[in-house]
Amino acid sequence: MEIRKSRRSLRVALVLGTAVAGTALVGWGGLAAWNAYTENAGNSVAAGTLLHNNYVTSNCASVIGVAPVGTGPGWCSAMMTITGADPVNNVLPATGVVKIDNTGTLQSTFSMSMPSAPSGSLCGDLTLKVTSLSTGAPGTPYAATALSTTMGATAVDNDAGTPSALWSPNGTAGTGTGATGNTFTFTVAAGTGFATNYADAGQSCTFSILFTQTAA
């Protein structure tokens, strides 16, 4: 009886050993699965350029990240310098012209503002009016306004057949027309107090205009 029991125990042990070995083979095979890879290399992204040209008497490229207000290296030329104005010599009104062109590779929008208040006691008796080639478009410049304070940003349109707030890219500097540009005329005129305010004699007024370009 003891011999039969031992043989049965041996058979059971052999069966269990075979089962464990089979499980081990299956598990090892799972860990050793083949892997295949593909790679798409060399991909790149390049940003477009945000750039515009402000043309008065010479080309002046935009300065990214710096508001060109006031004087200093790289600022665009003054559009007008008026001297000897009085109520009867017809020096006023006086005009100055600025051409703006989107010379970058990105579609853009533009706005015009006077972020710093005009300086000089004469300013309060003068007015500033701004017109463009696309007068009457959705984005219009300023009506005649006293030069006594800052002027908030106003959207300005290009001069395409149908003017739009979106300016096309790749314009030519100094053109100031079409879907990539526009021409703005600034007119300084005598206000109602200019002819009667004796304190204006010998005084002056200085102001700066800022054109801001934004990628659209």
C-alpha atoms as a PDB file:
ATOM      1  CA  MET A   1       0.000   0.000   0.000  1.00  0.00           C
ATOM      2  CA  GLU A   2       2.811   2.409   0.760  1.00  0.00           C
ATOM      3  CA  ILE A   3       4.429   1.764  -2.665  1.00  0.00           C
ATOM      4  CA  ARG A   4       1.199   2.643  -4.589  1.00  0.00           C
ATOM      5  CA  LYS A   5       0.783   5.826  -2.583  1.00  0.00           C
ATOM      6  CA  SER A   6       4.323   6.892  -3.395  1.00  0.00           C
ATOM      7  CA  ARG A   7       3.796   6.339  -7.123  1.00  0.00           C
ATOM      8  CA  ARG A   8       0.600   8.391  -7.068  1.00  0.00           C
ATOM      9  CA  SER A   9       2.415  11.192  -5.254  1.00  0.00           C
ATOM     10  CA  LEU A  10       5.191  11.083  -7.851  1.00  0.00           C
ATOM     11  CA  ARG A  11       2.673  11.295 -10.733  1.00  0.00           C
ATOM     12  CA  VAL A  12       0.927  14.253  -9.117  1.00  0.00           C
ATOM     13  CA  ALA A  13       4.278  15.980  -8.609  1.00  0.00           C
ATOM     14  CA  LEU A  14       5.260  15.382 -12.231  1.00  0.00           C
ATOM     15  CA  VAL A  15       1.935  16.777 -13.493  1.00  0.00           C
ATOM     16  CA  LEU A  16       2.254  19.879 -11.310  1.00  0.00           C
ATOM     17  CA  GLY A  17       5.862  20.361 -12.396  1.00  0.00           C
ATOM     18  CA  THR A  18       4.882  20.197 -16.062  1.00  0.00           C
ATOM     19  CA  ALA A  19       2.080  22.742 -15.512  1.00  0.00           C
ATOM     20  CA  VAL A  20       4.433  25.172 -13.794  1.00  0.00           C
ATOM     21  CA  ALA A  21       7.000  24.794 -16.579  1.00  0.00           C
ATOM     22  CA  GLY A  22       4.317  25.513 -19.192  1.00  0.00           C
ATOM     23  CA  THR A  23       3.195  28.626 -17.337  1.00  0.00           C
ATOM     24  CA  ALA A  24       6.767  29.812 -17.141  1.00  0.00           C
ATOM     25  CA  LEU A  25       7.222  29.395 -20.875  1.00  0.00           C
ATOM     26  CA  VAL A  26       4.044  31.313 -21.614  1.00  0.00           C
ATOM     27  CA  GLY A  27       5.065  34.107 -19.249  1.00  0.00           C
ATOM     28  CA  TRP A  28       8.567  34.334 -20.724  1.00  0.00           C
ATOM     29  CA  GLY A  29       7.169  34.422 -24.223  1.00  0.00           C
ATOM     30  CA  GLY A  30       4.950  37.409 -23.269  1.00  0.00           C
ATOM     31  CA  LEU A  31       7.909  39.364 -21.957  1.00  0.00           C
ATOM     32  CA  ALA A  32       9.964  38.650 -25.055  1.00  0.00           C
ATOM     33  CA  ALA A  33       7.397  40.036 -27.555  1.00  0.00           C
ATOM     34  CA  TRP A  34       8.918  41.708 -30.635  1.00  0.00           C
ATOM     35  CA  ASN A  35       8.666  45.521 -30.878  1.00  0.00           C
ATOM     36  CA  ALA A  36       8.619  47.643 -34.087  1.00  0.00           C
ATOM     37  CA  TYR A  37       9.099  51.416 -34.344  1.00  0.00           C
ATOM     38  CA  THR A  38       8.846  54.165 -36.960  1.00  0.00           C
ATOM     39  CA  GLU A  39       9.991  57.761 -36.526  1.00  0.00           C
ATOM     40  CA  ASN A  40       9.125  60.934 -38.427  1.00  0.00           C
ATOM     41  CA  ALA A  41      12.153  63.121 -37.757  1.00  0.00           C
ATOM     42  CA  GLY A  42      13.203  66.617 -38.736  1.00  0.00           C
ATOM     43  CA  ASN A  43       9.811  68.315 -38.278  1.00  0.00           C
ATOM     44  CA  SER A  44       9.986  72.073 -37.659  1.00  0.00           C
ATOM     45  CA  VAL A  45       7.832  75.147 -37.114  1.00  0.00           C
ATOM     46  CA  ALA A  46       8.944  78.693 -38.018  1.00  0.00           C
ATOM     47  CA  ALA A  47       7.137  81.816 -36.819  1.00  0.00           C
ATOM     48  CA  GLY A  48       6.150  84.478 -39.324  1.00  0.00           C
ATOM     49  CA  THR A  49       7.464  88.027 -39.069  1.00  0.00           C
ATOM     50  CA  LEU A  50       5.478  90.895 -37.608  1.00  0.00           C
ATOM     51  CA  LEU A  51       6.888  94.014 -39.247  1.00  0.00           C
ATOM     52  CA  HIS A  52       5.642  97.296 -40.669  1.00  0.00           C
ATOM     53  CA  ASN A  53       7.159 100.342 -42.290  1.00  0.00           C
ATOM     54  CA  ASN A  54       6.383 103.908 -41.207  1.00  0.00           C
ATOM     55  CA  TYR A  55       7.318 106.233 -44.061  1.00  0.00           C
ATOM     56  CA  VAL A  56       7.585 110.005 -43.652  1.00  0.00           C
ATOM     57  CA  THR A  57      10.711 111.231 -45.398  1.00  0.00           C
ATOM     58  CA  SER A  58      12.666 108.015 -44.961  1.00  0.00           C
ATOM     59  CA  ASN A  59      11.897 104.386 -44.257  1.00  0.00           C
ATOM     60  CA  CYS A  60      11.525 103.478 -40.600  1.00  0.00           C
ATOM     61  CA  ALA A  61      10.903  99.836 -39.655  1.00  0.00           C
ATOM     62  CA  SER A  62       8.796  98.962 -36.636  1.00  0.00           C
ATOM     63  CA  VAL A  63      10.481  98.227 -33.317  1.00  0.00           C
ATOM     64  CA  ILE A  64       9.047  95.062 -31.758  1.00  0.00           C
ATOM     65  CA  GLY A  65       8.381  95.340 -28.042  1.00  0.00           C
ATOM     66  CA  VAL A  66       9.330  99.032 -27.771  1.00  0.00           C
ATOM     67  CA  ALA A  67       6.797 101.829 -28.147  1.00  0.00           C
ATOM     68  CA  PRO A  68       8.489 104.488 -30.308  1.00  0.00           C
ATOM     69  CA  VAL A  69       7.122 107.535 -28.495  1.00  0.00           C
ATOM     70  CA  GLY A  70       9.265 110.622 -28.118  1.00  0.00           C
ATOM     71  CA  THR A  71      12.765 111.018 -29.455  1.00  0.00           C
ATOM     72  CA  GLY A  72      15.724 108.720 -29.649  1.00  0.00           C
ATOM     73  CA  PRO A  73      17.664 106.474 -32.026  1.00  0.00           C
ATOM     74  CA  GLY A  74      15.512 104.640 -34.528  1.00  0.00           C
ATOM     75  CA  TRP A  75      12.390 106.754 -34.114  1.00  0.00           C
ATOM     76  CA  CYS A  76      10.539 107.756 -37.253  1.00  0.00           C
ATOM     77  CA  SER A  77      10.805 111.314 -38.544  1.00  0.00           C
ATOM     78  CA  ALA A  78       8.405 114.056 -37.434  1.00  0.00           C
ATOM     79  CA  MET A  79       5.603 114.443 -39.955  1.00  0.00           C
ATOM     80  CA  MET A  80       5.402 118.205 -39.547  1.00  0.00           C
ATOM     81  CA  THR A  81       7.370 121.120 -38.111  1.00  0.00           C
ATOM     82  CA  ILE A  82       5.460 124.409 -38.043  1.00  0.00           C
ATOM     83  CA  THR A  83       7.133 127.682 -37.227  1.00  0.00           C
ATOM     84  CA  GLY A  84       5.951 131.300 -37.051  1.00  0.00           C
ATOM     85  CA  ALA A  85       2.234 130.521 -36.930  1.00  0.00           C
ATOM     86  CA  ASP A  86      -0.066 133.429 -36.136  1.00  0.00           C
ATOM     87  CA  PRO A  87      -3.759 134.206 -36.725  1.00  0.00           C
ATOM     88  CA  VAL A  88      -3.239 135.970 -40.061  1.00  0.00           C
ATOM     89  CA  ASN A  89      -0.243 134.523 -41.938  1.00  0.00           C
ATOM     90  CA  ASN A  90      -1.981 131.367 -43.224  1.00  0.00           C
ATOM     91  CA  VAL A  91       0.647 128.994 -41.846  1.00  0.00           C
ATOM     92  CA  LEU A  92      -2.238 127.076 -40.294  1.00  0.00           C
ATOM     93  CA  PRO A  93      -3.757 124.728 -41.128  1.00  0.00           C
ATOM     94  CA  ALA A  94      -0.640 122.632 -41.847  1.00  0.00           C
ATOM     95  CA  THR A  95      -0.504 118.995 -42.934  1.00  0.00           C
ATOM     96  CA  GLY A  96       1.843 116.042 -42.681  1.00  0.00           C
ATOM     97  CA  VAL A  97       1.614 112.617 -44.310  1.00  0.00           C
ATOM     98  CA  VAL A  98       2.533 109.152 -43.011  1.00  0.00           C
ATOM     99  CA  LYS A  99       2.476 105.965 -45.103  1.00  0.00           C
ATOM    100  CA  ILE A 100       2.098 102.659 -43.258  1.00  0.00           C
ATOM    101  CA  ASP A 101       2.832  99.326 -44.957  1.00  0.00           C
ATOM    102  CA  ASN A 102       2.625  95.786 -43.573  1.00  0.00           C
ATOM    103  CA  THR A 103       5.988  94.477 -44.757  1.00  0.00           C
ATOM    104  CA  GLY A 104       5.979  91.338 -42.594  1.00  0.00           C
ATOM    105  CA  THR A 105       4.741  87.857 -43.506  1.00  0.00           C
ATOM    106  CA  LEU A 106       1.749  87.814 -41.141  1.00  0.00           C
ATOM    107  CA  GLN A 107      -1.745  89.196 -41.680  1.00  0.00           C
ATOM    108  CA  SER A 108      -2.154  92.028 -39.181  1.00  0.00           C
ATOM    109  CA  THR A 109      -4.411  94.679 -37.736  1.00  0.00           C
ATOM    110  CA  PHE A 110      -3.335  98.253 -36.989  1.00  0.00           C
ATOM    111  CA  SER A 111      -4.374 100.947 -34.551  1.00  0.00           C
ATOM    112  CA  MET A 112      -3.368 104.576 -34.098  1.00  0.00           C
ATOM    113  CA  SER A 113      -3.101 106.431 -30.803  1.00  0.00           C
ATOM    114  CA  MET A 114      -1.539 109.345 -28.955  1.00  0.00           C
ATOM    115  CA  PRO A 115      -0.508 107.605 -25.711  1.00  0.00           C
ATOM    116  CA  SER A 116       1.228 110.650 -24.232  1.00  0.00           C
ATOM    117  CA  ALA A 117      -0.515 113.990 -23.841  1.00  0.00           C
ATOM    118  CA  PRO A 118       0.764 116.781 -26.131  1.00  0.00           C
ATOM    119  CA  SER A 119       3.240 119.090 -24.413  1.00  0.00           C
ATOM    120  CA  GLY A 120       3.291 122.886 -24.624  1.00  0.00           C
ATOM    121  CA  SER A 121       0.846 125.624 -23.664  1.00  0.00           C
ATOM    122  CA  LEU A 122      -0.119 126.236 -27.310  1.00  0.00           C
ATOM    123  CA  CYS A 123      -1.717 122.776 -27.645  1.00  0.00           C
ATOM    124  CA  GLY A 124      -5.061 123.715 -26.124  1.00  0.00           C
ATOM    125  CA  ASP A 125      -5.685 126.244 -28.903  1.00  0.00           C
ATOM    126  CA  LEU A 126      -4.890 123.814 -31.734  1.00  0.00           C
ATOM    127  CA  THR A 127      -6.814 120.910 -33.236  1.00  0.00           C
ATOM    128  CA  LEU A 128      -5.648 117.703 -34.904  1.00  0.00           C
ATOM    129  CA  LYS A 129      -7.564 115.865 -37.607  1.00  0.00           C
ATOM    130  CA  VAL A 130      -6.486 112.575 -39.216  1.00  0.00           C
ATOM    131  CA  THR A 131      -7.835 111.268 -42.519  1.00  0.00           C
ATOM    132  CA  SER A 132      -6.856 108.296 -44.668  1.00  0.00           C
ATOM    133  CA  LEU A 133      -7.237 107.164 -48.267  1.00  0.00           C
ATOM    134  CA  SER A 134     -10.033 104.865 -47.119  1.00  0.00           C
ATOM    135  CA  THR A 135     -12.106 107.476 -45.303  1.00  0.00           C
ATOM    136  CA  GLY A 136     -15.471 106.059 -44.283  1.00  0.00           C
ATOM    137  CA  ALA A 137     -14.168 102.533 -43.743  1.00  0.00           C
ATOM    138  CA  PRO A 138     -15.085 100.602 -40.560  1.00  0.00           C
ATOM    139  CA  GLY A 139     -11.865 101.729 -38.884  1.00  0.00           C
ATOM    140  CA  THR A 140     -11.659 105.505 -39.234  1.00  0.00           C
ATOM    141  CA  PRO A 141      -9.049 107.978 -37.924  1.00  0.00           C
ATOM    142  CA  TYR A 142      -9.777 111.021 -35.799  1.00  0.00           C
ATOM    143  CA  ALA A 143     -12.137 113.889 -36.415  1.00  0.00           C
ATOM    144  CA  ALA A 144     -10.773 117.354 -35.567  1.00  0.00           C
ATOM    145  CA  THR A 145      -9.956 117.225 -31.843  1.00  0.00           C
ATOM    146  CA  ALA A 146      -8.309 119.721 -29.502  1.00  0.00           C
ATOM    147  CA  LEU A 147      -4.661 118.871 -28.865  1.00  0.00           C
ATOM    148  CA  SER A 148      -5.158 118.955 -25.130  1.00  0.00           C
ATOM    149  CA  THR A 149      -5.022 115.338 -23.986  1.00  0.00           C
ATOM    150  CA  THR A 150      -4.123 111.791 -24.990  1.00  0.00           C
ATOM    151  CA  MET A 151      -6.049 110.061 -27.779  1.00  0.00           C
ATOM    152  CA  GLY A 152      -7.155 106.489 -27.283  1.00  0.00           C
ATOM    153  CA  ALA A 153      -6.305 103.772 -29.775  1.00  0.00           C
ATOM    154  CA  THR A 154      -8.563 103.567 -32.798  1.00  0.00           C
ATOM    155  CA  ALA A 155      -8.497 100.814 -35.419  1.00  0.00           C
ATOM    156  CA  VAL A 156      -7.367 101.888 -38.880  1.00  0.00           C
ATOM    157  CA  ASP A 157      -8.050 100.009 -42.111  1.00  0.00           C
ATOM    158  CA  ASN A 158      -5.990  99.287 -45.183  1.00  0.00           C
ATOM    159  CA  ASP A 159      -6.747 100.963 -48.513  1.00  0.00           C
ATOM    160  CA  ALA A 160      -7.972  97.947 -50.491  1.00  0.00           C
ATOM    161  CA  GLY A 161     -10.889  98.265 -52.949  1.00  0.00           C
ATOM    162  CA  THR A 162     -13.023  97.220 -50.003  1.00  0.00           C
ATOM    163  CA  PRO A 163     -11.083  98.503 -46.968  1.00  0.00           C
ATOM    164  CA  SER A 164     -10.675  95.980 -44.176  1.00  0.00           C
ATOM    165  CA  ALA A 165      -9.324  95.885 -40.642  1.00  0.00           C
ATOM    166  CA  LEU A 166      -7.140  92.948 -41.772  1.00  0.00           C
ATOM    167  CA  TRP A 167      -3.987  94.082 -43.559  1.00  0.00           C
ATOM    168  CA  SER A 168      -2.441  91.579 -45.979  1.00  0.00           C
ATOM    169  CA  PRO A 169       1.278  90.709 -45.578  1.00  0.00           C
ATOM    170  CA  ASN A 170       4.326  91.244 -47.820  1.00  0.00           C
ATOM    171  CA  GLY A 171       3.731  94.917 -48.603  1.00  0.00           C
ATOM    172  CA  THR A 172       6.307  97.260 -50.142  1.00  0.00           C
ATOM    173  CA  ALA A 173       7.775  99.981 -47.932  1.00  0.00           C
ATOM    174  CA  GLY A 174       6.765 103.529 -48.828  1.00  0.00           C
ATOM    175  CA  THR A 175       3.676 102.504 -50.830  1.00  0.00           C
ATOM    176  CA  GLY A 176       0.857 103.237 -48.392  1.00  0.00           C
ATOM    177  CA  THR A 177      -1.918 101.847 -50.607  1.00  0.00           C
ATOM    178  CA  GLY A 178      -3.892  98.678 -51.235  1.00  0.00           C
ATOM    179  CA  ALA A 179      -4.571  95.704 -48.971  1.00  0.00           C
ATOM    180  CA  THR A 180      -1.110  95.980 -47.396  1.00  0.00           C
ATOM    181  CA  GLY A 181      -1.038  99.699 -46.605  1.00  0.00           C
ATOM    182  CA  ASN A 182      -2.679 103.072 -46.154  1.00  0.00           C
ATOM    183  CA  THR A 183      -1.728 106.766 -46.182  1.00  0.00           C
ATOM    184  CA  PHE A 184      -2.699 109.039 -43.287  1.00  0.00           C
ATOM    185  CA  THR A 185      -2.861 112.826 -43.471  1.00  0.00           C
ATOM    186  CA  PHE A 186      -2.528 114.782 -40.218  1.00  0.00           C
ATOM    187  CA  THR A 187      -3.891 118.325 -40.202  1.00  0.00           C
ATOM    188  CA  VAL A 188      -3.134 120.787 -37.406  1.00  0.00           C
ATOM    189  CA  ALA A 189      -5.415 123.802 -37.428  1.00  0.00           C
ATOM    190  CA  ALA A 190      -6.064 126.827 -35.214  1.00  0.00           C
ATOM    191  CA  GLY A 191      -8.716 126.277 -32.574  1.00  0.00           C
ATOM    192  CA  THR A 192     -11.274 128.863 -31.565  1.00  0.00           C
ATOM    193  CA  GLY A 193      -8.977 130.420 -28.963  1.00  0.00           C
ATOM    194  CA  PHE A 194      -5.878 130.724 -31.137  1.00  0.00           C
ATOM    195  CA  ALA A 195      -6.714 134.159 -32.542  1.00  0.00           C
ATOM    196  CA  THR A 196      -7.651 135.740 -29.216  1.00  0.00           C
ATOM    197  CA  ASN A 197      -5.338 134.163 -26.630  1.00  0.00           C
ATOM    198  CA  TYR A 198      -2.354 136.537 -26.414  1.00  0.00           C
ATOM    199  CA  ALA A 199      -0.566 134.027 -24.174  1.00  0.00           C
ATOM    200  CA  ASP A 200      -0.054 131.776 -27.240  1.00  0.00           C
ATOM    201  CA  ALA A 201       2.578 134.128 -28.660  1.00  0.00           C
ATOM    202  CA  GLY A 202       5.980 132.434 -28.713  1.00  0.00           C
ATOM    203  CA  GLN A 203       4.614 129.151 -27.345  1.00  0.00           C
ATOM    204  CA  SER A 204       4.744 125.686 -28.910  1.00  0.00           C
ATOM    205  CA  CYS A 205       3.026 122.299 -29.010  1.00  0.00           C
ATOM    206  CA  THR A 206       4.656 118.878 -29.507  1.00  0.00           C
ATOM    207  CA  PHE A 207       2.947 115.516 -29.878  1.00  0.00           C
ATOM    208  CA  SER A 208       3.687 111.936 -30.932  1.00  0.00           C
ATOM    209  CA  ILE A 209       1.564 109.434 -32.847  1.00  0.00           C
ATOM    210  CA  LEU A 210       1.906 105.697 -32.251  1.00  0.00           C
ATOM    211  CA  PHE A 211       0.952 103.020 -34.788  1.00  0.00           C
ATOM    212  CA  THR A 212       0.496  99.584 -33.221  1.00  0.00           C
ATOM    213  CA  GLN A 213       0.533  96.389 -35.303  1.00  0.00           C
ATOM    214  CA  THR A 214      -1.004  93.132 -34.041  1.00  0.00           C
ATOM    215  CA  ALA A 215      -0.854  89.729 -35.699  1.00  0.00           C
ATOM    216  CA  ALA A 216      -4.343  88.601 -36.729  1.00  0.00           C
END
